[in-house]
Protein backbone atom coordinates (compact mmCIF):
# COMPACT_ATOMS: atom_id res chain seq x y z
CA MET A 1 12.99 9.32 -7.33
CA LYS A 2 13.72 7.05 -10.26
CA LYS A 3 14.99 3.64 -9.13
CA ILE A 4 12.17 1.62 -7.58
CA ALA A 5 12.36 -1.90 -6.17
CA VAL A 6 9.11 -3.87 -6.27
CA LEU A 7 9.34 -6.51 -3.56
CA ASP A 8 9.14 -10.04 -5.00
CA TYR A 9 8.00 -12.42 -2.28
CA GLY A 10 5.78 -14.76 -4.31
CA ALA A 11 2.63 -12.63 -4.52
CA GLY A 12 0.46 -13.05 -7.58
CA ASN A 13 -0.31 -10.42 -10.23
CA ILE A 14 2.80 -8.46 -9.35
CA ARG A 15 3.73 -7.54 -12.91
CA SER A 16 0.90 -5.03 -13.17
CA ALA A 17 2.46 -3.03 -10.33
CA VAL A 18 5.81 -3.12 -12.12
CA ARG A 19 4.29 -1.89 -15.37
CA ALA A 20 2.34 0.87 -13.62
CA ALA A 21 5.43 2.17 -11.84
CA GLU A 22 7.36 2.10 -15.11
CA ALA A 23 4.56 4.00 -16.85
CA ALA A 24 4.74 6.62 -14.07
CA GLY A 25 8.38 7.23 -14.98
CA ALA A 26 10.35 4.93 -12.67
CA GLU A 27 13.15 2.52 -13.41
CA VAL A 28 11.78 -0.64 -11.79
CA THR A 29 13.41 -3.85 -10.57
CA LEU A 30 11.34 -6.79 -9.33
CA THR A 31 13.49 -8.36 -6.65
CA ALA A 32 13.84 -9.86 -3.18
CA ASP A 33 17.60 -9.24 -3.10
CA HIS A 34 18.29 -7.01 -0.09
CA ASP A 35 21.39 -5.45 -1.65
CA VAL A 36 19.47 -4.50 -4.79
CA ILE A 37 16.62 -3.13 -2.70
CA ASP A 38 19.02 -1.11 -0.57
CA SER A 39 20.37 0.59 -3.69
CA ALA A 40 16.89 1.67 -4.79
CA ASP A 41 15.34 5.08 -4.18
CA GLY A 42 11.96 3.64 -3.22
CA LEU A 43 10.39 0.31 -2.20
CA LEU A 44 6.94 -0.80 -3.37
CA VAL A 45 5.24 -3.62 -1.46
CA PRO A 46 2.34 -5.14 -3.42
CA GLY A 47 -0.14 -7.54 -1.87
CA VAL A 48 -2.77 -9.91 -3.18
CA GLY A 49 -4.61 -12.64 -1.30
CA ALA A 50 -4.84 -13.53 2.36
CA TYR A 51 -3.12 -11.52 5.10
CA SER A 52 -1.50 -14.65 6.57
CA ALA A 53 -0.15 -15.77 3.18
CA VAL A 54 1.35 -12.35 2.47
CA MET A 55 3.04 -12.27 5.88
CA ALA A 56 4.41 -15.78 5.31
CA GLY A 57 5.82 -14.71 1.95
CA LEU A 58 7.41 -11.60 3.44
CA GLU A 59 8.95 -13.60 6.28
CA LYS A 60 10.34 -16.17 3.82
CA VAL A 61 12.40 -13.52 2.03
CA GLY A 62 13.37 -11.67 5.23
CA ALA A 63 11.33 -8.63 4.30
CA VAL A 64 9.57 -7.91 7.60
CA ASP A 65 12.59 -6.33 9.27
CA LEU A 66 13.57 -4.79 5.93
CA ILE A 67 10.25 -2.96 5.66
CA ARG A 68 10.45 -1.82 9.29
CA SER A 69 13.93 -0.48 8.62
CA TRP A 70 12.80 1.48 5.54
CA HIS A 71 9.98 3.00 7.57
CA GLU A 72 12.20 3.87 10.55
CA GLN A 73 14.85 5.40 8.29
CA GLN A 74 12.16 7.38 6.47
CA ARG A 75 13.02 5.88 3.12
CA PRO A 76 10.21 6.07 0.52
CA LEU A 77 7.87 3.10 0.98
CA LEU A 78 4.55 2.32 -0.74
CA GLY A 79 2.21 -0.54 0.23
CA ILE A 80 -0.66 -1.61 -2.02
CA CYS A 81 -3.82 -3.56 -1.00
CA VAL A 82 -2.69 -6.29 1.42
CA GLY A 83 0.61 -4.40 1.30
CA LEU A 84 -1.23 -1.70 3.26
CA GLN A 85 -2.91 -4.20 5.56
CA VAL A 86 0.29 -5.87 6.75
CA PHE A 87 1.69 -2.48 7.79
CA PHE A 88 -0.83 -2.69 10.67
CA ALA A 89 -0.22 -4.70 13.83
CA ALA A 90 -2.44 -7.68 13.02
CA GLY A 91 -4.96 -9.24 10.69
CA GLU A 92 -8.05 -11.26 11.58
CA GLU A 93 -9.29 -13.52 8.77
CA HIS A 94 -11.63 -16.51 9.12
CA GLY A 95 -10.94 -16.65 12.84
CA VAL A 96 -7.17 -16.69 12.31
CA HIS A 97 -5.06 -14.01 14.03
CA THR A 98 -1.84 -13.13 12.20
CA THR A 99 0.77 -10.72 13.52
CA GLY A 100 1.60 -7.99 11.02
CA ILE A 101 4.68 -5.84 10.47
CA GLY A 102 3.39 -3.35 13.03
CA LEU A 103 4.32 0.00 11.55
CA TRP A 104 0.95 1.15 12.89
CA PRO A 105 -1.33 -0.11 15.69
CA GLY A 106 -4.69 -1.67 15.00
CA ALA A 107 -6.05 -4.77 13.30
CA VAL A 108 -7.40 -5.49 9.83
CA THR A 109 -10.83 -7.11 10.14
CA ALA A 110 -13.79 -8.11 7.98
CA LEU A 111 -15.61 -5.31 6.19
CA LYS A 112 -18.95 -4.51 7.79
CA ALA A 113 -21.00 -4.42 4.60
CA PRO A 114 -24.02 -6.23 3.17
CA VAL A 115 -22.00 -7.34 0.15
CA VAL A 116 -18.39 -8.53 0.20
CA PRO A 117 -15.94 -8.44 -1.34
CA HIS A 118 -15.92 -4.74 -2.07
CA MET A 119 -15.08 -4.93 -5.76
CA GLY A 120 -15.17 -1.96 -8.08
CA TRP A 121 -14.71 1.79 -8.28
CA SER A 122 -15.24 4.04 -5.26
CA HIS A 123 -14.67 7.66 -4.34
CA ILE A 124 -12.29 8.49 -1.50
CA ALA A 125 -12.28 11.27 1.10
CA ALA A 126 -8.75 12.65 1.36
CA PRO A 127 -7.51 15.19 3.93
CA ALA A 128 -6.79 18.72 2.77
CA GLN A 129 -3.04 18.36 3.36
CA THR A 130 -2.68 15.28 1.16
CA LYS A 131 0.27 14.88 -1.19
CA MET A 132 -0.79 11.39 -2.18
CA PHE A 133 -4.02 12.49 -3.86
CA ALA A 134 -2.92 15.91 -5.13
CA GLY A 135 -4.76 16.46 -8.39
CA VAL A 136 -6.82 13.25 -8.09
CA GLU A 137 -8.80 13.98 -4.90
CA ASN A 138 -12.13 13.74 -6.70
CA GLU A 139 -11.38 10.66 -8.78
CA MET A 140 -12.51 7.07 -8.22
CA PHE A 141 -10.14 4.22 -7.42
CA TYR A 142 -10.44 0.46 -7.93
CA PHE A 143 -10.88 -1.73 -4.85
CA VAL A 144 -10.93 -5.51 -4.42
CA HIS A 145 -11.03 -6.58 -0.75
CA SER A 146 -13.09 -8.20 1.98
CA TYR A 147 -11.04 -6.90 4.91
CA ALA A 148 -9.90 -3.45 5.96
CA ALA A 149 -8.41 -1.36 8.74
CA THR A 150 -10.65 1.14 10.50
CA GLU A 151 -8.38 2.54 13.26
CA ALA A 152 -6.50 5.62 12.07
CA PRO A 153 -2.79 5.44 12.95
CA PRO A 154 -1.69 8.40 15.12
CA ASN A 155 0.16 11.30 13.54
CA THR A 156 -0.70 10.31 9.98
CA LEU A 157 -2.92 11.59 7.18
CA VAL A 158 -5.73 9.11 6.65
CA THR A 159 -7.96 8.87 3.60
CA THR A 160 -11.24 6.99 3.93
CA ALA A 161 -13.76 5.31 1.66
CA THR A 162 -17.15 3.75 2.33
CA HIS A 163 -18.53 0.29 1.59
CA GLY A 164 -21.24 -0.51 4.08
CA SER A 165 -19.23 1.49 6.61
CA ASP A 166 -16.17 3.73 6.54
CA PHE A 167 -12.73 2.14 6.29
CA ILE A 168 -9.15 3.28 5.70
CA ALA A 169 -8.46 3.70 2.00
CA ALA A 170 -4.96 5.16 2.34
CA VAL A 171 -2.40 6.33 4.86
CA GLU A 172 0.35 8.95 4.50
CA ASP A 173 2.97 8.68 7.23
CA GLY A 174 5.94 10.80 6.22
CA THR A 175 7.67 8.91 3.43
CA THR A 176 5.58 5.77 4.06
CA TRP A 177 2.42 5.70 1.96
CA ALA A 178 -0.10 2.89 1.58
CA ALA A 179 -3.30 2.33 -0.38
CA GLN A 180 -6.04 -0.25 0.16
CA PHE A 181 -7.10 0.10 -3.50
CA HIS A 182 -5.02 -0.82 -6.54
CA PRO A 183 -3.36 2.23 -8.16
CA GLU A 184 -2.16 -0.04 -10.97
CA LYS A 185 -5.80 -0.87 -11.82
CA SER A 186 -7.15 2.65 -11.29
CA ALA A 187 -6.43 4.08 -14.75
CA ASP A 188 -5.42 7.76 -14.89
CA ALA A 189 -6.20 8.36 -11.20
CA GLY A 190 -3.87 5.57 -10.13
CA ALA A 191 -1.17 6.76 -12.50
CA GLY A 192 -1.45 10.24 -11.00
CA LEU A 193 -1.06 8.84 -7.49
CA LEU A 194 2.06 6.89 -8.48
CA ARG A 195 3.54 10.00 -10.05
CA ASN A 196 2.76 11.87 -6.82
CA TRP A 197 4.69 9.25 -4.85
CA LEU A 198 7.70 9.51 -7.14
CA ARG A 199 7.57 13.32 -7.13
CA ALA A 200 7.03 13.71 -3.37
CA ASN A 201 10.15 11.72 -2.64
CA SER A 202 12.43 13.17 -5.30
CA ALA A 203 15.47 15.17 -4.31
CA ASP A 204 14.21 18.11 -6.37
CA SER A 205 10.65 18.05 -5.03
């Protein structure tokens, strides 16, 4: 998998995701053009900020149905940080309920921890069958978040981490992968994960 579209819907700090995917060996286009995205081999959905703001940005560029279609057609899809969160059915932030894309059931809610946000490096607990963390299962990844999902989607491989309590750090659902942490800020471990995503969805894998 070489041609990657990084979805441009107005999120901040998106260039770091572009550079990380390029460093992993992909040809990357930052775009919201549906025709350009459709010609790509994979779609990366970054996310920074509030759940409601990310959903509003996705809706503005018509990306909600686009993402659902990629998932349903089993085209390679990767969500990062709030990009993972909006794959769930809903988000609850500051008393505001926002409907998500709904690839998976469950809501994203406030972390149950004595200190938030969860900011820094943490170990993850990946399932034995993981492709996402192959070769980096014992590494640490960089998290910045105050909200998380805790309900494991059915028929998926779920990786967890702990900050105050356990939460979902990553989900592997066929060709749809998502990470609560930032691979693009996770040094060699994050680079390894991105290479795993490209490799797992290559025609010669």
